[in-house]
Amino acid sequence: MMGGKFSIVKALSALAVAGVLSIASGAAVQAASGVSVIVNNTVITSGDIAKRVAFLRLQRQGGGAAEAKKQLVDEVLKRAEIARVQQSVSTQEVDAAYARFAAGNKLSAEQLGKILDQSGVGMEHFKQYIAVQMSWPRVVNFRYGSATRLSGGDLVKRMMEGGGDKPVTTEYFLQQVIFVIPEKKRGAITAKRQAEANASRAKFPGCETSKVFAANYRDVSIRSLGRVLAQQLPEDWKPLVEKAGDGMTTGTRVTEKGVEYLAICKKRQVNDDAAAEVVFRAEDIGKKKAGGEDPNSEKYLEELRSKAQIVNK
């Protein structure tokens, strides 16, 4: 599945790994399990708060229990909204992000888990944090994305600012090839299916006869993704697509559906109005990221807070 567009590295940029390593030898937090807050019938325990306090220490942030409680209340609200609009990342995407984060800091997933356990945070608490950090931007974009469309006048103005020319970008027509792995068999046959998918790439005949090609394999699905511009490529797929040439396939990725790769049916440079809008919107999103969190995020969260029933115990 072509997933979220937000890198977990960016989402967790505040985490000071040096802090993790320096505290790794500390005693584990002994968390109590009493009810501390109830948010719309969801319980936050004192144990949850103790874990978040420990996590704040790893990030070298202050605020203690009060800040921990505030963050956890916000996360409960976000998780409920993520579930309501069905914009959650998958467990597999979270696990992959966790593994990338560990590898990026020269740790195995097991080593990172031990560090988190020893510092009182715990792997599951960290993964829950990752899941919200990855999913929430999708929800905000789902809610406000259509509201940020540029009018014809805005497009002309932006083009004039750039010298009058429409920006050029790369247009792809893609097909998604999925070597399906049933949920119950995940892990047991993943390596085998990945080997099958990798071997099949050399035999891929092209997009026009891809469904006939898929019929030669067991449990292989072909999905047409249509036109996708370079700025619309999900971050996990973007480097693979950009590396592949016209008429070729990308490398494989293990996703929540199985083992996937993309076929590049057609690739060309375009500069039409629709492409110009996508380019300009991507530039605007980049500026928002550079300047901090999307203001729509806080507006959305404040709306959820105003409607929530929050009971402190």
Protein backbone atom coordinates (compact mmCIF):
# COMPACT_ATOMS: atom_id res chain seq x y z
CA MET A 1 0.00 0.00 0.00
CA MET A 2 1.27 3.43 -0.84
CA GLY A 3 1.22 4.83 2.66
CA GLY A 4 1.73 8.09 4.56
CA LYS A 5 3.80 10.96 3.29
CA PHE A 6 5.37 11.89 6.59
CA SER A 7 8.78 10.55 7.60
CA ILE A 8 9.06 9.15 11.11
CA VAL A 9 12.55 10.63 11.26
CA LYS A 10 10.99 14.09 10.98
CA ALA A 11 8.23 13.20 13.40
CA LEU A 12 10.75 12.15 16.03
CA SER A 13 13.39 14.78 15.35
CA ALA A 14 13.08 16.07 18.92
CA LEU A 15 14.25 12.78 20.40
CA ALA A 16 17.84 13.12 21.63
CA VAL A 17 19.43 9.71 21.18
CA ALA A 18 22.40 10.77 23.23
CA GLY A 19 19.91 11.24 26.02
CA VAL A 20 18.56 7.73 25.46
CA LEU A 21 22.01 6.22 25.69
CA SER A 22 23.00 8.23 28.73
CA ILE A 23 19.93 7.15 30.67
CA ALA A 24 19.89 3.57 29.45
CA SER A 25 21.64 2.30 32.55
CA GLY A 26 19.17 4.03 34.88
CA ALA A 27 16.63 2.16 36.96
CA ALA A 28 13.31 1.36 35.34
CA VAL A 29 10.38 3.52 36.29
CA GLN A 30 8.14 1.72 38.75
CA ALA A 31 4.73 2.77 37.43
CA ALA A 32 1.54 2.55 39.42
CA SER A 33 -1.68 1.57 37.69
CA GLY A 34 -4.32 3.83 39.22
CA VAL A 35 -6.75 5.79 37.04
CA SER A 36 -5.52 9.35 36.54
CA VAL A 37 -7.68 10.76 33.72
CA ILE A 38 -10.71 9.57 31.75
CA VAL A 39 -11.03 11.01 28.24
CA ASN A 40 -14.32 10.15 26.54
CA ASN A 41 -14.41 6.82 28.45
CA THR A 42 -10.76 6.06 27.65
CA VAL A 43 -8.65 5.63 30.78
CA ILE A 44 -5.18 7.09 31.24
CA THR A 45 -3.44 5.51 34.22
CA SER A 46 -0.73 6.85 36.48
CA GLY A 47 1.43 4.16 34.94
CA ASP A 48 0.88 5.66 31.48
CA ILE A 49 1.86 9.07 32.84
CA ALA A 50 5.00 7.66 34.46
CA LYS A 51 6.08 6.21 31.12
CA ARG A 52 5.50 9.51 29.36
CA VAL A 53 7.47 11.37 32.06
CA ALA A 54 10.35 8.97 31.39
CA PHE A 55 9.96 9.59 27.67
CA LEU A 56 10.09 13.34 28.22
CA ARG A 57 13.39 12.86 30.06
CA LEU A 58 14.78 10.95 27.07
CA GLN A 59 13.84 13.89 24.86
CA ARG A 60 15.40 16.23 27.42
CA GLN A 61 12.08 18.01 27.83
CA GLY A 62 10.68 19.43 31.03
CA GLY A 63 7.13 19.66 32.28
CA GLY A 64 7.02 16.48 34.35
CA ALA A 65 3.68 14.84 35.10
CA ALA A 66 1.59 17.85 34.04
CA GLU A 67 3.10 17.90 30.53
CA ALA A 68 2.92 14.12 30.31
CA LYS A 69 -0.78 14.16 31.18
CA LYS A 70 -1.48 16.91 28.61
CA GLN A 71 0.32 14.98 25.85
CA LEU A 72 -1.50 11.76 26.66
CA VAL A 73 -4.91 13.44 26.70
CA ASP A 74 -4.17 14.96 23.28
CA GLU A 75 -3.04 11.58 21.97
CA VAL A 76 -6.23 9.88 23.14
CA LEU A 77 -8.24 12.51 21.25
CA LYS A 78 -6.05 12.11 18.17
CA ARG A 79 -6.25 8.30 18.22
CA ALA A 80 -10.06 8.41 18.40
CA GLU A 81 -10.21 10.82 15.46
CA ILE A 82 -7.67 8.77 13.49
CA ALA A 83 -9.89 5.70 13.95
CA ARG A 84 -13.07 7.62 13.11
CA VAL A 85 -11.83 8.84 9.73
CA GLN A 86 -9.88 5.63 9.06
CA GLN A 87 -6.52 7.29 8.42
CA SER A 88 -4.37 5.12 10.65
CA VAL A 89 -1.02 3.73 9.56
CA SER A 90 -0.71 -0.05 9.83
CA THR A 91 1.06 -2.04 12.52
CA GLN A 92 3.59 -3.07 9.89
CA GLU A 93 4.34 0.58 9.02
CA VAL A 94 4.89 1.37 12.71
CA ASP A 95 7.17 -1.65 13.13
CA ALA A 96 9.13 -0.63 10.03
CA ALA A 97 9.48 2.95 11.32
CA TYR A 98 10.65 1.64 14.70
CA ALA A 99 13.25 -0.56 13.00
CA ARG A 100 14.45 2.35 10.81
CA PHE A 101 14.74 4.59 13.84
CA ALA A 102 16.82 1.95 15.63
CA ALA A 103 19.04 1.36 12.59
CA GLY A 104 19.48 5.11 12.10
CA ASN A 105 20.99 5.25 15.58
CA LYS A 106 23.17 2.15 15.02
CA LEU A 107 21.00 -0.06 17.20
CA SER A 108 19.07 -3.24 16.51
CA ALA A 109 15.35 -3.22 17.26
CA GLU A 110 16.06 -5.47 20.25
CA GLN A 111 18.74 -3.14 21.61
CA LEU A 112 16.43 -0.14 21.32
CA GLY A 113 13.71 -2.12 23.09
CA LYS A 114 16.04 -2.86 26.00
CA ILE A 115 17.03 0.80 26.27
CA LEU A 116 13.39 1.86 26.33
CA ASP A 117 12.53 -0.78 28.95
CA GLN A 118 15.48 0.12 31.17
CA SER A 119 14.60 3.81 31.07
CA GLY A 120 10.97 3.17 32.04
CA VAL A 121 9.37 4.02 28.69
CA GLY A 122 8.81 0.63 27.15
CA MET A 123 8.73 -0.37 23.50
CA GLU A 124 4.92 -0.41 23.23
CA HIS A 125 4.59 3.11 24.63
CA PHE A 126 7.13 4.33 22.08
CA LYS A 127 5.37 2.51 19.24
CA GLN A 128 2.02 4.02 20.25
CA TYR A 129 3.68 7.43 20.09
CA ILE A 130 5.09 6.63 16.64
CA ALA A 131 1.66 5.50 15.40
CA VAL A 132 0.02 8.79 16.41
CA GLN A 133 2.90 10.88 15.01
CA MET A 134 2.63 9.10 11.66
CA SER A 135 -1.18 9.01 11.45
CA TRP A 136 -2.17 12.46 12.68
CA PRO A 137 -0.75 14.41 9.68
CA ARG A 138 -2.85 12.16 7.43
CA VAL A 139 -5.97 13.11 9.39
CA VAL A 140 -5.17 16.83 9.20
CA ASN A 141 -4.54 16.57 5.46
CA PHE A 142 -7.74 14.54 5.04
CA ARG A 143 -9.69 17.30 6.81
CA TYR A 144 -8.05 20.40 5.35
CA GLY A 145 -6.34 19.23 2.17
CA SER A 146 -9.17 20.14 -0.20
CA ALA A 147 -9.51 23.53 1.49
CA THR A 148 -6.02 24.51 0.42
CA ARG A 149 -6.63 24.24 -3.32
CA LEU A 150 -5.30 27.19 -5.26
CA SER A 151 -7.68 29.29 -7.34
CA GLY A 152 -6.95 30.15 -10.96
CA GLY A 153 -5.91 33.65 -9.89
CA ASP A 154 -3.55 32.26 -7.25
CA LEU A 155 -1.98 29.94 -9.82
CA VAL A 156 -1.35 32.82 -12.22
CA LYS A 157 0.10 34.94 -9.41
CA ARG A 158 2.48 32.17 -8.33
CA MET A 159 3.57 31.57 -11.92
CA MET A 160 4.22 35.28 -12.44
CA GLU A 161 6.36 35.30 -9.30
CA GLY A 162 8.41 32.53 -10.89
CA GLY A 163 8.95 34.42 -14.14
CA GLY A 164 5.68 33.51 -15.84
CA ASP A 165 6.51 29.88 -16.57
CA LYS A 166 4.60 26.93 -15.19
CA PRO A 167 6.77 24.69 -13.00
CA VAL A 168 7.88 21.41 -14.53
CA THR A 169 7.52 18.14 -12.65
CA THR A 170 7.64 14.42 -13.38
CA GLU A 171 4.44 12.56 -14.11
CA TYR A 172 4.24 8.81 -13.51
CA PHE A 173 1.61 6.26 -14.44
CA LEU A 174 2.01 3.42 -11.98
CA GLN A 175 0.77 -0.07 -11.29
CA GLN A 176 1.06 -1.73 -7.90
CA VAL A 177 2.07 -5.41 -7.84
CA ILE A 178 1.22 -7.13 -4.55
CA PHE A 179 2.38 -10.61 -3.57
CA VAL A 180 -0.31 -11.04 -0.94
CA ILE A 181 0.53 -12.49 2.47
CA PRO A 182 -2.46 -13.50 4.64
CA GLU A 183 -2.42 -12.01 8.14
CA LYS A 184 -2.14 -15.43 9.81
CA LYS A 185 0.91 -16.37 7.72
CA ARG A 186 2.75 -13.07 8.11
CA GLY A 187 6.29 -13.71 9.27
CA ALA A 188 6.27 -17.39 8.41
CA ILE A 189 6.31 -16.94 4.64
CA THR A 190 7.40 -13.32 4.25
CA ALA A 191 10.97 -14.15 3.21
CA LYS A 192 9.73 -16.70 0.67
CA ARG A 193 7.22 -14.28 -0.82
CA GLN A 194 9.83 -11.53 -1.01
CA ALA A 195 12.14 -13.86 -2.91
CA GLU A 196 9.28 -14.66 -5.33
CA ALA A 197 8.50 -11.00 -5.82
CA ASN A 198 12.13 -10.08 -6.43
CA ALA A 199 12.52 -12.89 -8.98
CA SER A 200 9.31 -11.86 -10.79
CA ARG A 201 10.55 -8.34 -11.50
CA ALA A 202 12.89 -9.54 -14.24
CA LYS A 203 9.93 -11.25 -15.94
CA PHE A 204 7.47 -8.35 -15.67
CA PRO A 205 6.18 -7.85 -19.24
CA GLY A 206 4.84 -4.31 -18.92
CA CYS A 207 1.63 -2.74 -17.68
CA GLU A 208 -0.56 -3.72 -20.65
CA THR A 209 -0.23 -7.46 -19.97
CA SER A 210 0.41 -7.32 -16.22
CA LYS A 211 -2.81 -9.12 -15.28
CA VAL A 212 -1.92 -12.05 -17.54
CA PHE A 213 1.51 -12.04 -15.89
CA ALA A 214 -0.04 -12.07 -12.39
CA ALA A 215 -2.14 -15.12 -13.27
CA ASN A 216 1.08 -17.16 -13.44
CA TYR A 217 1.64 -16.59 -9.72
CA ARG A 218 -0.33 -17.51 -6.64
CA ASP A 219 -2.12 -14.71 -4.77
CA VAL A 220 -0.73 -11.79 -6.78
CA SER A 221 -2.81 -8.64 -7.18
CA ILE A 222 -2.38 -5.86 -9.76
CA ARG A 223 -3.76 -2.42 -8.97
CA SER A 224 -3.64 0.58 -11.29
CA LEU A 225 -2.64 3.77 -9.46
CA GLY A 226 -3.09 6.00 -12.47
CA ARG A 227 -1.37 9.37 -12.73
CA VAL A 228 0.90 10.29 -9.83
CA LEU A 229 3.13 13.36 -9.82
CA ALA A 230 6.56 13.35 -8.18
CA GLN A 231 5.32 15.55 -5.31
CA GLN A 232 2.51 13.09 -4.57
CA LEU A 233 4.74 10.05 -4.14
CA PRO A 234 4.72 8.69 -0.55
CA GLU A 235 8.08 9.06 1.13
CA ASP A 236 8.60 5.30 1.50
CA TRP A 237 8.16 4.79 -2.25
CA LYS A 238 9.66 7.99 -3.65
CA PRO A 239 13.35 6.98 -3.78
CA LEU A 240 12.44 3.61 -5.29
CA VAL A 241 10.27 5.17 -8.00
CA GLU A 242 12.82 7.87 -8.83
CA LYS A 243 15.54 5.23 -9.19
CA ALA A 244 13.48 3.08 -11.59
CA GLY A 245 13.39 3.94 -15.29
CA ASP A 246 10.42 4.16 -17.65
CA GLY A 247 8.96 0.69 -18.23
CA MET A 248 10.82 -0.79 -15.27
CA THR A 249 9.86 -1.86 -11.75
CA THR A 250 10.94 -0.57 -8.35
CA GLY A 251 12.57 -2.60 -5.63
CA THR A 252 10.27 -4.53 -3.31
CA ARG A 253 8.87 -3.44 0.05
CA VAL A 254 7.17 -5.46 2.78
CA THR A 255 3.87 -3.75 3.65
CA GLU A 256 0.70 -4.55 5.58
CA LYS A 257 -0.67 -6.35 2.49
CA GLY A 258 2.36 -8.44 1.63
CA VAL A 259 5.39 -7.81 -0.58
CA GLU A 260 4.93 -5.03 -3.12
CA TYR A 261 6.67 -3.29 -5.97
CA LEU A 262 5.55 -0.65 -8.44
CA ALA A 263 5.69 -0.81 -12.21
CA ILE A 264 6.52 2.43 -14.05
CA CYS A 265 4.05 2.27 -16.94
CA LYS A 266 4.95 5.72 -18.26
CA LYS A 267 7.14 8.59 -17.14
CA ARG A 268 7.40 12.08 -18.59
CA GLN A 269 7.92 15.75 -17.73
CA VAL A 270 4.76 17.87 -17.54
CA ASN A 271 3.87 21.51 -16.82
CA ASP A 272 0.07 21.74 -17.03
CA ASP A 273 -2.17 23.65 -14.59
CA ALA A 274 -2.94 20.60 -12.43
CA ALA A 275 0.76 19.83 -12.10
CA ALA A 276 1.51 23.46 -11.26
CA GLU A 277 -1.01 23.37 -8.41
CA VAL A 278 0.52 20.19 -7.00
CA VAL A 279 4.02 21.69 -7.16
CA PHE A 280 2.95 24.92 -5.45
CA ARG A 281 1.03 23.07 -2.74
CA ALA A 282 4.06 20.85 -2.06
CA GLU A 283 6.19 24.00 -1.72
CA ASP A 284 3.67 25.45 0.74
CA ILE A 285 3.64 22.26 2.80
CA GLY A 286 7.44 22.31 2.86
CA LYS A 287 7.40 25.87 4.17
CA LYS A 288 4.93 24.89 6.91
CA LYS A 289 7.18 22.01 7.98
CA ALA A 290 10.20 24.31 8.10
CA GLY A 291 8.26 26.81 10.18
CA GLY A 292 6.87 24.25 12.62
CA GLU A 293 3.65 22.31 12.96
CA ASP A 294 0.79 22.92 10.55
CA PRO A 295 -1.50 25.51 12.21
CA ASN A 296 -4.48 23.44 11.10
CA SER A 297 -3.26 20.68 13.41
CA GLU A 298 -3.68 22.76 16.56
CA LYS A 299 -7.00 24.17 15.33
CA TYR A 300 -8.29 20.64 14.73
CA LEU A 301 -7.05 19.45 18.13
CA GLU A 302 -8.61 22.42 19.93
CA GLU A 303 -11.93 21.52 18.32
CA LEU A 304 -11.63 17.97 19.63
CA ARG A 305 -10.72 19.23 23.11
CA SER A 306 -13.76 21.52 23.22
CA LYS A 307 -16.11 18.59 22.52
CA ALA A 308 -14.35 16.07 24.78
CA GLN A 309 -15.38 14.92 28.23
CA ILE A 310 -12.20 14.94 30.30
CA VAL A 311 -12.41 13.81 33.93
CA ASN A 312 -9.37 14.12 36.21
CA LYS A 313 -9.25 11.67 39.10
